[in-house]
Structures are given as C-alpha cells and as structure tokens.
C-alpha atoms as a PDB file:
ATOM      1  CA  MET A   1     102.229  75.377 107.304  1.00  0.00           C
ATOM      2  CA  THR A   2     100.236  75.916 104.157  1.00  0.00           C
ATOM      3  CA  TYR A   3     100.306  78.933 102.676  1.00  0.00           C
ATOM      4  CA  ALA A   4      97.276  80.509 100.433  1.00  0.00           C
ATOM      5  CA  SER A   5      97.917  81.100  96.762  1.00  0.00           C
ATOM      6  CA  LEU A   6      97.345  83.916  95.225  1.00  0.00           C
ATOM      7  CA  ARG A   7      97.084  81.889  91.715  1.00  0.00           C
ATOM      8  CA  ASP A   8      96.093  78.951  92.751  1.00  0.00           C
ATOM      9  CA  ASP A   9      93.607  79.279  95.853  1.00  0.00           C
ATOM     10  CA  PRO A  10      89.549  80.247  95.483  1.00  0.00           C
ATOM     11  CA  ILE A  11      88.663  83.760  95.371  1.00  0.00           C
ATOM     12  CA  GLY A  12      87.888  84.664  99.666  1.00  0.00           C
ATOM     13  CA  THR A  13      91.051  82.084 101.064  1.00  0.00           C
ATOM     14  CA  PRO A  14      92.418  84.014 103.417  1.00  0.00           C
ATOM     15  CA  HIS A  15      96.162  85.019 104.069  1.00  0.00           C
ATOM     16  CA  HIS A  16      98.121  82.824 107.007  1.00  0.00           C
ATOM     17  CA  VAL A  17      99.637  85.759 108.724  1.00  0.00           C
ATOM     18  CA  ALA A  18      98.606  89.113 106.269  1.00  0.00           C
ATOM     19  CA  THR A  19      96.171  91.551 108.050  1.00  0.00           C
ATOM     20  CA  CYS A  20      94.666  93.944 107.606  1.00  0.00           C
ATOM     21  CA  CYS A  21      96.307  97.735 109.616  1.00  0.00           C
ATOM     22  CA  TRP A  22      92.903  99.130 109.811  1.00  0.00           C
ATOM     23  CA  CYS A  23      90.666  96.135 111.550  1.00  0.00           C
ATOM     24  CA  ALA A  24      93.185  93.465 111.986  1.00  0.00           C
ATOM     25  CA  ALA A  25      91.135  90.697 109.348  1.00  0.00           C
ATOM     26  CA  PRO A  26      92.828  88.847 107.639  1.00  0.00           C
ATOM     27  CA  LEU A  27      93.502  89.732 103.867  1.00  0.00           C
ATOM     28  CA  ARG A  28      91.644  87.685 101.884  1.00  0.00           C
ATOM     29  CA  ILE A  29      92.167  86.868  97.999  1.00  0.00           C
ATOM     30  CA  GLY A  30      89.975  88.612  95.439  1.00  0.00           C
ATOM     31  CA  VAL A  31      89.365  90.558  92.176  1.00  0.00           C
ATOM     32  CA  VAL A  32      89.403  94.327  90.903  1.00  0.00           C
ATOM     33  CA  ALA A  33      89.341  94.980  87.314  1.00  0.00           C
ATOM     34  CA  GLY A  34      90.606  91.578  86.704  1.00  0.00           C
ATOM     35  CA  LEU A  35      93.830  91.508  88.791  1.00  0.00           C
ATOM     36  CA  ARG A  36      93.518  88.807  91.355  1.00  0.00           C
ATOM     37  CA  CYS A  37      94.595  90.637  94.236  1.00  0.00           C
ATOM     38  CA  TRP A  38      94.748  91.142  98.734  1.00  0.00           C
ATOM     39  CA  LEU A  39      92.227  92.455  99.991  1.00  0.00           C
ATOM     40  CA  CYS A  40      90.320  93.105 103.631  1.00  0.00           C
ATOM     41  CA  PRO A  41      87.054  91.741 103.479  1.00  0.00           C
ATOM     42  CA  TYR A  42      85.984  94.799 104.960  1.00  0.00           C
ATOM     43  CA  CYS A  43      87.674  97.981 103.840  1.00  0.00           C
ATOM     44  CA  TYR A  44      88.450  96.517 100.828  1.00  0.00           C
ATOM     45  CA  GLU A  45      86.822 100.252  99.489  1.00  0.00           C
ATOM     46  CA  ARG A  46      89.174 101.879 100.263  1.00  0.00           C
ATOM     47  CA  GLN A  47      91.710  99.467  98.550  1.00  0.00           C
ATOM     48  CA  ILE A  48      89.281  99.711  95.677  1.00  0.00           C
ATOM     49  CA  ARG A  49      89.284 103.767  95.127  1.00  0.00           C
ATOM     50  CA  LEU A  50      93.402 103.873  95.222  1.00  0.00           C
ATOM     51  CA  ALA A  51      93.890 101.298  93.046  1.00  0.00           C
ATOM     52  CA  LEU A  52      95.538 102.535  89.145  1.00  0.00           C
ATOM     53  CA  THR A  53      93.764 101.047  86.333  1.00  0.00           C
ATOM     54  CA  VAL A  54      93.926 101.884  82.393  1.00  0.00           C
ATOM     55  CA  GLY A  55      91.725 101.238  79.382  1.00  0.00           C
ATOM     56  CA  LYS A  56      88.570 101.821  78.673  1.00  0.00           C
ATOM     57  CA  LYS A  57      87.572  98.530  79.283  1.00  0.00           C
ATOM     58  CA  PRO A  58      89.331  98.856  83.030  1.00  0.00           C
ATOM     59  CA  GLN A  59      91.695  96.548  84.208  1.00  0.00           C
ATOM     60  CA  ALA A  60      93.115  96.735  87.090  1.00  0.00           C
ATOM     61  CA  LEU A  61      97.349  97.158  87.274  1.00  0.00           C
ATOM     62  CA  ASN A  62      97.867  97.798  91.216  1.00  0.00           C
ATOM     63  CA  VAL A  63      95.740  97.651  93.744  1.00  0.00           C
ATOM     64  CA  PRO A  64      97.434  98.737  96.782  1.00  0.00           C
ATOM     65  CA  LEU A  65      98.022  96.890 100.247  1.00  0.00           C
ATOM     66  CA  PRO A  66      96.247  98.642 103.154  1.00  0.00           C
ATOM     67  CA  SER A  67      99.346  99.846 104.740  1.00  0.00           C
ATOM     68  CA  GLN A  68      99.887 101.264 101.214  1.00  0.00           C
ATOM     69  CA  CYS A  69      96.678 103.072 101.034  1.00  0.00           C
ATOM     70  CA  LEU A  70      98.131 104.967 104.828  1.00  0.00           C
ATOM     71  CA  PHE A  71     101.272 106.372 102.974  1.00  0.00           C
ATOM     72  CA  GLU A  72      98.665 107.186  99.431  1.00  0.00           C
ATOM     73  CA  GLU A  73      96.050 109.345 102.111  1.00  0.00           C
ATOM     74  CA  SER A  74      98.394 111.126 104.489  1.00  0.00           C
ATOM     75  CA  THR A  75      98.206 114.582 104.110  1.00  0.00           C
ATOM     76  CA  ALA A  76     100.976 115.562 105.749  1.00  0.00           C
ATOM     77  CA  ARG A  77     104.237 117.632 104.222  1.00  0.00           C
ATOM     78  CA  ASN A  78     106.123 115.090 105.176  1.00  0.00           C
ATOM     79  CA  VAL A  79     105.301 111.634 105.855  1.00  0.00           C
ATOM     80  CA  LEU A  80     107.860 108.827 106.903  1.00  0.00           C
ATOM     81  CA  TRP A  81     107.084 105.411 106.275  1.00  0.00           C
ATOM     82  CA  GLY A  82     109.289 102.745 108.079  1.00  0.00           C
ATOM     83  CA  GLY A  83     109.902 100.131 110.229  1.00  0.00           C
ATOM     84  CA  GLN A  84     110.261  96.548 110.310  1.00  0.00           C
ATOM     85  CA  ALA A  85     111.662  94.869 106.210  1.00  0.00           C
ATOM     86  CA  GLY A  86     109.499  93.468 104.088  1.00  0.00           C
ATOM     87  CA  PRO A  87     106.441  95.461 104.011  1.00  0.00           C
ATOM     88  CA  GLY A  88     105.971  96.464 100.355  1.00  0.00           C
ATOM     89  CA  LYS A  89     107.561 100.120 100.894  1.00  0.00           C
ATOM     90  CA  SER A  90     109.468 100.285  97.294  1.00  0.00           C
ATOM     91  CA  HIS A  91     106.506  98.997  95.644  1.00  0.00           C
ATOM     92  CA  GLY A  92     104.164 101.042  97.209  1.00  0.00           C
ATOM     93  CA  ALA A  93     106.360 104.027  96.854  1.00  0.00           C
ATOM     94  CA  ARG A  94     106.914 104.267  93.654  1.00  0.00           C
ATOM     95  CA  TRP A  95     103.349 103.066  92.364  1.00  0.00           C
ATOM     96  CA  TRP A  96     102.077 106.534  95.033  1.00  0.00           C
ATOM     97  CA  LEU A  97     104.812 108.392  92.072  1.00  0.00           C
ATOM     98  CA  TYR A  98     103.034 106.734  89.052  1.00  0.00           C
ATOM     99  CA  LYS A  99      99.623 107.941  90.216  1.00  0.00           C
ATOM    100  CA  ARG A 100     100.972 111.540  90.919  1.00  0.00           C
ATOM    101  CA  SER A 101     102.872 111.704  87.094  1.00  0.00           C
ATOM    102  CA  LEU A 102     100.012 110.310  85.703  1.00  0.00           C
ATOM    103  CA  MET A 103      97.596 113.177  87.701  1.00  0.00           C
ATOM    104  CA  ALA A 104      99.128 115.757  87.011  1.00  0.00           C
ATOM    105  CA  PRO A 105     100.425 116.972  83.753  1.00  0.00           C
ATOM    106  CA  GLY A 106     104.389 117.853  83.562  1.00  0.00           C
ATOM    107  CA  HIS A 107     104.716 116.797  86.843  1.00  0.00           C
ATOM    108  CA  LEU A 108     108.543 115.945  88.443  1.00  0.00           C
ATOM    109  CA  SER A 109     109.621 114.027  91.516  1.00  0.00           C
ATOM    110  CA  LEU A 110     112.622 112.509  92.852  1.00  0.00           C
ATOM    111  CA  LEU A 111     113.354 108.483  93.380  1.00  0.00           C
ATOM    112  CA  LEU A 112     116.137 108.126  95.277  1.00  0.00           C
ATOM    113  CA  ARG A 113     118.197 104.990  97.026  1.00  0.00           C
ATOM    114  CA  GLU A 114     121.244 104.289  98.970  1.00  0.00           C
ATOM    115  CA  ASN A 115     123.782 103.938  96.325  1.00  0.00           C
ATOM    116  CA  ASN A 116     123.615 103.311  92.042  1.00  0.00           C
ATOM    117  CA  GLU A 117     123.554  98.864  92.792  1.00  0.00           C
ATOM    118  CA  GLN A 118     120.174  99.618  94.634  1.00  0.00           C
ATOM    119  CA  LEU A 119     118.875 101.241  92.563  1.00  0.00           C
ATOM    120  CA  GLU A 120     119.243  99.526  89.711  1.00  0.00           C
ATOM    121  CA  LYS A 121     117.863  96.241  91.470  1.00  0.00           C
ATOM    122  CA  THR A 122     115.076  97.598  92.572  1.00  0.00           C
ATOM    123  CA  HIS A 123     113.277 100.703  91.228  1.00  0.00           C
ATOM    124  CA  LEU A 124     115.064 101.164  87.428  1.00  0.00           C
ATOM    125  CA  ARG A 125     114.216  97.442  86.809  1.00  0.00           C
ATOM    126  CA  GLU A 126     111.257  97.234  88.036  1.00  0.00           C
ATOM    127  CA  MET A 127     110.408 100.069  86.024  1.00  0.00           C
ATOM    128  CA  GLU A 128     111.287  98.670  82.252  1.00  0.00           C
ATOM    129  CA  ARG A 129     108.423  96.125  83.284  1.00  0.00           C
ATOM    130  CA  GLU A 130     106.046  98.697  84.306  1.00  0.00           C
ATOM    131  CA  LEU A 131     106.160 101.904  82.901  1.00  0.00           C
ATOM    132  CA  PRO A 132     105.237 100.663  79.561  1.00  0.00           C
ATOM    133  CA  LEU A 133     101.773  99.143  81.123  1.00  0.00           C
ATOM    134  CA  LEU A 134     101.394 102.907  81.724  1.00  0.00           C
ATOM    135  CA  GLY A 135     102.334 104.737  78.154  1.00  0.00           C
ATOM    136  CA  GLY A 136     105.370 105.421  79.646  1.00  0.00           C
ATOM    137  CA  ARG A 137     109.647 104.438  79.589  1.00  0.00           C
ATOM    138  CA  VAL A 138     112.614 105.185  81.520  1.00  0.00           C
ATOM    139  CA  VAL A 139     115.686 106.627  79.230  1.00  0.00           C
ATOM    140  CA  ASN A 140     119.167 107.748  81.558  1.00  0.00           C
ATOM    141  CA  ARG A 141     117.194 106.743  84.626  1.00  0.00           C
ATOM    142  CA  THR A 142     114.307 109.042  84.147  1.00  0.00           C
ATOM    143  CA  ALA A 143     111.388 107.522  83.396  1.00  0.00           C
ATOM    144  CA  ILE A 144     109.400 109.712  81.568  1.00  0.00           C
ATOM    145  CA  PHE A 145     105.339 109.818  80.561  1.00  0.00           C
ATOM    146  CA  PRO A 146     102.885 110.639  77.890  1.00  0.00           C
ATOM    147  CA  ASN A 147     101.634 114.017  79.613  1.00  0.00           C
ATOM    148  CA  GLY A 148     105.207 114.913  80.196  1.00  0.00           C
ATOM    149  CA  SER A 149     105.736 114.463  83.754  1.00  0.00           C
ATOM    150  CA  GLN A 150     108.781 112.771  84.256  1.00  0.00           C
ATOM    151  CA  ILE A 151     110.645 110.636  87.575  1.00  0.00           C
ATOM    152  CA  ASP A 152     114.110 111.761  87.901  1.00  0.00           C
ATOM    153  CA  CYS A 153     115.854 108.671  89.905  1.00  0.00           C
ATOM    154  CA  GLY A 154     119.207 108.737  91.407  1.00  0.00           C
ATOM    155  CA  HIS A 155     121.376 107.677  94.977  1.00  0.00           C
ATOM    156  CA  MET A 156     122.745 109.237  97.514  1.00  0.00           C
ATOM    157  CA  ALA A 157     125.861 107.045  97.682  1.00  0.00           C
ATOM    158  CA  GLU A 158     128.139 110.005  98.971  1.00  0.00           C
ATOM    159  CA  ALA A 159     126.507 113.118 101.525  1.00  0.00           C
ATOM    160  CA  GLU A 160     127.551 115.110  98.874  1.00  0.00           C
ATOM    161  CA  SER A 161     125.134 113.937  96.589  1.00  0.00           C
ATOM    162  CA  VAL A 162     122.662 115.928  97.187  1.00  0.00           C
ATOM    163  CA  SER A 163     124.419 119.131  95.558  1.00  0.00           C
ATOM    164  CA  ARG A 164     123.125 117.270  91.967  1.00  0.00           C
ATOM    165  CA  TYR A 165     119.671 117.852  93.153  1.00  0.00           C
ATOM    166  CA  LEU A 166     119.132 121.057  94.666  1.00  0.00           C
ATOM    167  CA  SER A 167     118.973 122.702  91.740  1.00  0.00           C
ATOM    168  CA  THR A 168     115.932 121.454  90.295  1.00  0.00           C
ATOM    169  CA  GLU A 169     111.683 122.286  92.390  1.00  0.00           C
ATOM    170  CA  TYR A 170     110.297 118.447  93.077  1.00  0.00           C
ATOM    171  CA  GLY A 171     106.408 118.213  93.333  1.00  0.00           C
ATOM    172  CA  ALA A 172     107.901 114.551  95.178  1.00  0.00           C
ATOM    173  CA  ILE A 173     110.929 113.278  96.919  1.00  0.00           C
ATOM    174  CA  VAL A 174     110.831 109.835  97.756  1.00  0.00           C
ATOM    175  CA  PRO A 175     114.595 108.504  99.465  1.00  0.00           C
ATOM    176  CA  ASP A 176     113.948 105.130  99.658  1.00  0.00           C
ATOM    177  CA  GLU A 177     116.023 103.353 102.878  1.00  0.00           C
ATOM    178  CA  ALA A 178     116.984 107.422 103.565  1.00  0.00           C
ATOM    179  CA  SER A 179     118.362 105.673 106.725  1.00  0.00           C
ATOM    180  CA  ARG A 180     121.125 104.336 105.045  1.00  0.00           C
ATOM    181  CA  TYR A 181     122.677 107.619 104.104  1.00  0.00           C
ATOM    182  CA  PRO A 182     125.923 108.810 104.702  1.00  0.00           C
ATOM    183  CA  VAL A 183     126.096 112.076 106.786  1.00  0.00           C
ATOM    184  CA  ASP A 184     128.811 115.140 106.197  1.00  0.00           C
ATOM    185  CA  ARG A 185     131.349 115.452 107.521  1.00  0.00           C
ATOM    186  CA  GLU A 186     130.130 117.256 110.419  1.00  0.00           C
ATOM    187  CA  GLY A 187     127.951 114.776 111.095  1.00  0.00           C
ATOM    188  CA  VAL A 188     124.539 116.073 109.288  1.00  0.00           C
ATOM    189  CA  THR A 189     122.399 113.978 107.073  1.00  0.00           C
ATOM    190  CA  PRO A 190     121.410 115.607 104.018  1.00  0.00           C
ATOM    191  CA  LEU A 191     117.919 114.821 104.494  1.00  0.00           C
ATOM    192  CA  ALA A 192     117.653 117.502 105.395  1.00  0.00           C
ATOM    193  CA  GLU A 193     118.665 119.685 103.088  1.00  0.00           C
ATOM    194  CA  LEU A 194     116.539 117.353 100.388  1.00  0.00           C
ATOM    195  CA  GLN A 195     113.686 117.532 102.067  1.00  0.00           C
ATOM    196  CA  THR A 196     113.427 121.408 100.900  1.00  0.00           C
ATOM    197  CA  ARG A 197     113.581 120.823  97.309  1.00  0.00           C
ATOM    198  CA  ALA A 198     110.006 118.867  97.371  1.00  0.00           C
ATOM    199  CA  ARG A 199     108.884 122.065  96.683  1.00  0.00           C
ATOM    200  CA  LYS A 200     106.761 122.703  93.575  1.00  0.00           C
ATOM    201  CA  VAL A 201     103.078 122.846  93.333  1.00  0.00           C
ATOM    202  CA  TYR A 202     101.161 121.081  90.722  1.00  0.00           C
ATOM    203  CA  ARG A 203      97.333 120.871  90.202  1.00  0.00           C
ATOM    204  CA  THR A 204      95.416 117.923  88.045  1.00  0.00           C
ATOM    205  CA  LEU A 205      93.381 118.033  84.765  1.00  0.00           C
ATOM    206  CA  SER A 206      89.858 117.906  87.328  1.00  0.00           C
ATOM    207  CA  GLY A 207      91.981 120.888  88.907  1.00  0.00           C
ATOM    208  CA  LEU A 208      92.795 119.186  92.343  1.00  0.00           C
ATOM    209  CA  LEU A 209      95.976 121.296  94.078  1.00  0.00           C
ATOM    210  CA  LEU A 210      98.817 118.552  94.820  1.00  0.00           C
ATOM    211  CA  ARG A 211     100.921 119.889  98.121  1.00  0.00           C
ATOM    212  CA  PRO A 212     105.271 119.355  97.204  1.00  0.00           C
ATOM    213  CA  ARG A 213     105.779 116.003  99.379  1.00  0.00           C
ATOM    214  CA  PHE A 214     108.742 114.099 100.737  1.00  0.00           C
ATOM    215  CA  MET A 215     108.182 110.878 101.369  1.00  0.00           C
ATOM    216  CA  PRO A 216     111.665 108.601 102.848  1.00  0.00           C
ATOM    217  CA  THR A 217     110.543 105.417 103.209  1.00  0.00           C
ATOM    218  CA  SER A 218     113.328 103.586 105.496  1.00  0.00           C
ATOM    219  CA  ASN A 219     114.296 100.799 107.923  1.00  0.00           C
ATOM    220  CA  PRO A 220     115.754 101.584 111.263  1.00  0.00           C
ATOM    221  CA  GLY A 221     119.440 101.751 111.677  1.00  0.00           C
ATOM    222  CA  GLY A 222     122.151 103.728 109.581  1.00  0.00           C
ATOM    223  CA  PRO A 223     123.529 107.418 109.603  1.00  0.00           C
ATOM    224  CA  SER A 224     120.753 109.476 108.706  1.00  0.00           C
ATOM    225  CA  ALA A 225     118.275 106.923 111.420  1.00  0.00           C
ATOM    226  CA  PRO A 226     118.776 109.572 114.102  1.00  0.00           C
ATOM    227  CA  TRP A 227     117.793 112.562 112.300  1.00  0.00           C
ATOM    228  CA  LEU A 228     114.914 110.910 111.041  1.00  0.00           C
ATOM    229  CA  ARG A 229     113.349 109.692 114.124  1.00  0.00           C
ATOM    230  CA  ASP A 230     114.128 112.955 116.060  1.00  0.00           C
ATOM    231  CA  MET A 231     111.745 114.420 113.061  1.00  0.00           C
ATOM    232  CA  PHE A 232     108.988 111.786 112.611  1.00  0.00           C
ATOM    233  CA  ILE A 233     108.487 109.663 115.751  1.00  0.00           C
ATOM    234  CA  ASP A 234     110.295 111.414 118.786  1.00  0.00           C
ATOM    235  CA  HIS A 235     109.195 115.099 117.834  1.00  0.00           C
ATOM    236  CA  THR A 236     112.425 116.897 118.981  1.00  0.00           C
ATOM    237  CA  PRO A 237     114.812 117.623 116.177  1.00  0.00           C
ATOM    238  CA  ASP A 238     118.087 119.165 117.616  1.00  0.00           C
ATOM    239  CA  PHE A 239     117.958 122.688 117.954  1.00  0.00           C
ATOM    240  CA  ASP A 240     121.443 123.096 118.071  1.00  0.00           C
ATOM    241  CA  ILE A 241     122.344 121.731 114.966  1.00  0.00           C
ATOM    242  CA  PHE A 242     119.013 123.385 112.710  1.00  0.00           C
ATOM    243  CA  PRO A 243     118.156 126.789 115.054  1.00  0.00           C
ATOM    244  CA  ARG A 244     115.377 128.175 112.853  1.00  0.00           C
ATOM    245  CA  LEU A 245     113.257 124.937 113.362  1.00  0.00           C
ATOM    246  CA  ARG A 246     112.249 126.442 117.471  1.00  0.00           C
ATOM    247  CA  THR A 247     109.768 128.513 115.565  1.00  0.00           C
ATOM    248  CA  GLU A 248     109.594 127.048 111.884  1.00  0.00           C
ATOM    249  CA  TYR A 249     108.577 123.195 113.026  1.00  0.00           C
ATOM    250  CA  ARG A 250     105.372 121.658 113.229  1.00  0.00           C
ATOM    251  CA  PRO A 251     104.775 118.328 114.213  1.00  0.00           C
ATOM    252  CA  GLY A 252     102.092 118.040 112.643  1.00  0.00           C
ATOM    253  CA  GLU A 253     103.586 118.266 109.040  1.00  0.00           C
ATOM    254  CA  TRP A 254     106.112 115.337 109.976  1.00  0.00           C
ATOM    255  CA  GLN A 255     103.953 111.770 110.248  1.00  0.00           C
ATOM    256  CA  TYR A 256     104.979 108.518 110.929  1.00  0.00           C
ATOM    257  CA  ILE A 257     103.343 104.878 109.643  1.00  0.00           C
ATOM    258  CA  PRO A 258     104.681 102.335 111.230  1.00  0.00           C
ATOM    259  CA  ALA A 259     105.603  99.550 108.938  1.00  0.00           C
ATOM    260  CA  ARG A 260     104.926  95.747 109.366  1.00  0.00           C
ATOM    261  CA  LEU A 261     106.262  92.552 107.818  1.00  0.00           C
ATOM    262  CA  ASP A 262     102.478  91.306 108.194  1.00  0.00           C
ATOM    263  CA  ASP A 263     101.184  94.033 105.990  1.00  0.00           C
ATOM    264  CA  ASN A 264     102.953  92.819 103.218  1.00  0.00           C
ATOM    265  CA  PRO A 265     100.722  89.506 102.152  1.00  0.00           C
ATOM    266  CA  TYR A 266     103.322  88.933  98.666  1.00  0.00           C
ATOM    267  CA  GLN A 267     106.256  88.502 100.760  1.00  0.00           C
ATOM    268  CA  ASP A 268     108.059  85.639 100.407  1.00  0.00           C
ATOM    269  CA  PRO A 269     106.360  83.765 103.014  1.00  0.00           C
ATOM    270  CA  GLU A 270     109.814  82.117 104.640  1.00  0.00           C
ATOM    271  CA  TYR A 271     111.385  85.477 104.373  1.00  0.00           C
ATOM    272  CA  HIS A 272     110.921  86.171 108.558  1.00  0.00           C
ATOM    273  CA  ALA A 273     112.848  82.757 108.857  1.00  0.00           C
ATOM    274  CA  THR A 274     115.871  84.305 107.615  1.00  0.00           C
ATOM    275  CA  LEU A 275     116.114  87.497 109.506  1.00  0.00           C
ATOM    276  CA  ALA A 276     116.226  85.104 112.083  1.00  0.00           C
ATOM    277  CA  ALA A 277     119.804  84.814 111.286  1.00  0.00           C
ATOM    278  CA  LEU A 278     120.958  88.792 111.858  1.00  0.00           C
ATOM    279  CA  THR A 279     122.578  89.940 115.182  1.00  0.00           C
ATOM    280  CA  GLY A 280     120.953  91.426 118.075  1.00  0.00           C
ATOM    281  CA  VAL A 281     120.942  95.171 116.890  1.00  0.00           C
ATOM    282  CA  ARG A 282     120.327  94.269 113.512  1.00  0.00           C
ATOM    283  CA  TYR A 283     117.263  91.893 114.341  1.00  0.00           C
ATOM    284  CA  LYS A 284     115.544  94.576 116.698  1.00  0.00           C
ATOM    285  CA  GLN A 285     115.682  97.105 113.797  1.00  0.00           C
ATOM    286  CA  LEU A 286     114.768  95.017 111.248  1.00  0.00           C
ATOM    287  CA  ALA A 287     112.096  92.862 112.158  1.00  0.00           C
ATOM    288  CA  GLU A 288     111.008  94.603 114.819  1.00  0.00           C
ATOM    289  CA  GLY A 289     111.602  97.804 113.901  1.00  0.00           C
ATOM    290  CA  ASP A 290     113.455  99.076 116.645  1.00  0.00           C
ATOM    291  CA  TRP A 291     114.606 102.537 115.653  1.00  0.00           C
ATOM    292  CA  TYR A 292     116.015 102.433 119.250  1.00  0.00           C
ATOM    293  CA  ALA A 293     118.010  99.756 118.646  1.00  0.00           C
ATOM    294  CA  PHE A 294     121.655 100.874 117.701  1.00  0.00           C
ATOM    295  CA  VAL A 295     125.082  99.660 117.774  1.00  0.00           C
ATOM    296  CA  GLY A 296     126.978 100.593 121.045  1.00  0.00           C
ATOM    297  CA  ALA A 297     124.151 101.687 123.295  1.00  0.00           C
ATOM    298  CA  PHE A 298     124.155 102.179 126.456  1.00  0.00           C
ATOM    299  CA  PHE A 299     121.512  99.977 127.770  1.00  0.00           C
ATOM    300  CA  GLY A 300     121.342  96.770 124.918  1.00  0.00           C
ATOM    301  CA  GLU A 301     118.008  95.771 126.497  1.00  0.00           C
ATOM    302  CA  TRP A 302     116.087  99.777 126.024  1.00  0.00           C
ATOM    303  CA  ASP A 303     112.613  98.966 125.212  1.00  0.00           C
ATOM    304  CA  GLU A 304     110.604 102.232 125.142  1.00  0.00           C
ATOM    305  CA  SER A 305     107.288 100.856 125.747  1.00  0.00           C
ATOM    306  CA  ILE A 306     108.065  98.728 128.374  1.00  0.00           C
ATOM    307  CA  HIS A 307     110.737 101.357 130.123  1.00  0.00           C
ATOM    308  CA  VAL A 308     108.508 104.976 128.825  1.00  0.00           C
ATOM    309  CA  ARG A 309     105.741 106.496 131.273  1.00  0.00           C
ATOM    310  CA  ARG A 310     104.510 109.600 129.042  1.00  0.00           C
ATOM    311  CA  ALA A 311     103.434 112.015 131.082  1.00  0.00           C
ATOM    312  CA  VAL A 312      99.405 112.776 131.463  1.00  0.00           C
ATOM    313  CA  VAL A 313      98.647 116.195 130.636  1.00  0.00           C
ATOM    314  CA  ALA A 314      95.248 117.407 132.307  1.00  0.00           C
END
C-alpha cells in the first residue's frame, strides 16, 4: 500500500485511511498559517477555528484533528475521550490544556499519567519541546506560562497518590490513560475523588467564563475502567458505593467521546498491524475499543451491539 506523506505529497492529497469523524470524508493535506496539516475537505473551518497560532504574522503551531475538536468543543463538565489506541488522545488533551492556560491568566490545571515512567516518556518529553514555542517552560514537572498559568504534571502509580492533589483547586484535570489507575483496598478508584478537585472557575481576558472540567482520556482495560464505563458510557453509577449520586448524578454532565485509530493520520501507518500480536481480550480493548471486554468475562464472545436490544420508550 502507498502511504500519503504530509511532508512530501502535494496539497490536497488524501490520507489512505484517516477520515473525518463528522462527515467520514478522507482527510487531506492542507496548510493553515504556514503549517502543513491534515484537514477535512468539508469541515476544515471547525479545525481552523481551534488552531493555536502565535506571532504578529500568525504561525500555526497546532491544528486539531476533527476528533480532537470534539474534545475541545464539548461543554459537559466531565468528558471521557476513549476507545481504540492511537487516535491522538494524549496530544490533543495536552494542547487543549495549553489553550486554556493561555486564555485565562493564572489558570491552574493538572495532567496525570499512570506512573512516572509514562509521564516522562510522553507529556514531559513533549512539553520540553513544545512549551518554548508558546513562551513557556517546564520547571520541576510544572508547565509555566508567561501569564502565570501552570499545568502541574503528576502520576497515579498507587491509589494513595491522589492525596497529593486534594489540597488544590484546579480549573481542569486531565487523567491520561485513566483506566490504568489502581484502585484502593476497597476496590474504589481514586478518580472518583480526583474529579472533585476540578472546581475552580476562571475568566479569560475577554470576559468569558471557563467552567471547571474533568477530562479523562483512556483505552479500555485496567482497574479503573469499570468506573469510567459506569459513569460515562452506561450512565449507571454504583449507588451502593456512591449513595449520594442518587440525587446528584446528571448523565448529561458525563459525556463519552469514542476514539478511533482512523481518526489520526499522524499515527505510524503500520501501527494497526502491530496490534494483531495482542491476545484476545487486549486486542478487543485496544484495537476495537471494547469497554465490555475484560479477563474472566463469563461470556467471552459478548458484543453489546449484537447482544443488547434497547427498549423504545414511547
């Protein structure tokens, strides 16, 4: 198969796989403020509207993919962006935090990974390269911006790690790879308590209010996956564990945005083939984005789209 090259192929060349999550058209090579990027030929204006540019003569540093725009455009307080591996979730979430940090002086946010090693290899490594382009820098695992905004970077290697973040009010919290976070001795995920710390409201220079947001990104599988599925996908919280949610839970404030590998034209073209080496359950989780696949399932062949019939309410 011949793969399209963003750097070398002509403007307008279609990607061999990646499509727009809005209209399903193949993404094509385009240019926005000097940056070659992948655009939907029909929905590109939504992407351009959310581009991050710098300088008197605007230079684009990042143009979000359609799927990343969905994440940025959501107005729900809590949003899970998850499913298949490789759609650009970590990149999209990080640049969303950059934009919030630049829009609201003094904005404080929190970005997490499942352990220190993953934090170093993904976000911190990329931040060292990206932040100078925005006039910022990384100091002691904190992204610092010229307007006083900060992004604290941390990890959740143990369930008790959540205690590090409970004394601070954040405007936005992004637990990346949230399903991998360990649960406590009673089987309760620290995500439940962590989301309560996203509660500080900020105002942009133009006067726009920025509501606090809790925005986990994740593939299925892992100790905290059942909580994410219950809260964001099935909208069926465990009221025995969280009894107060009987009156406080509002499904509309817990949105799920499915992530597909075909959303991301920047991914290695051979990446999907590497997933074939995974075992059955892990393949379903990462390659198919199946939140109902887990080790020890009584019905290993369960597929909600086939085996569940939704009742129609008149």
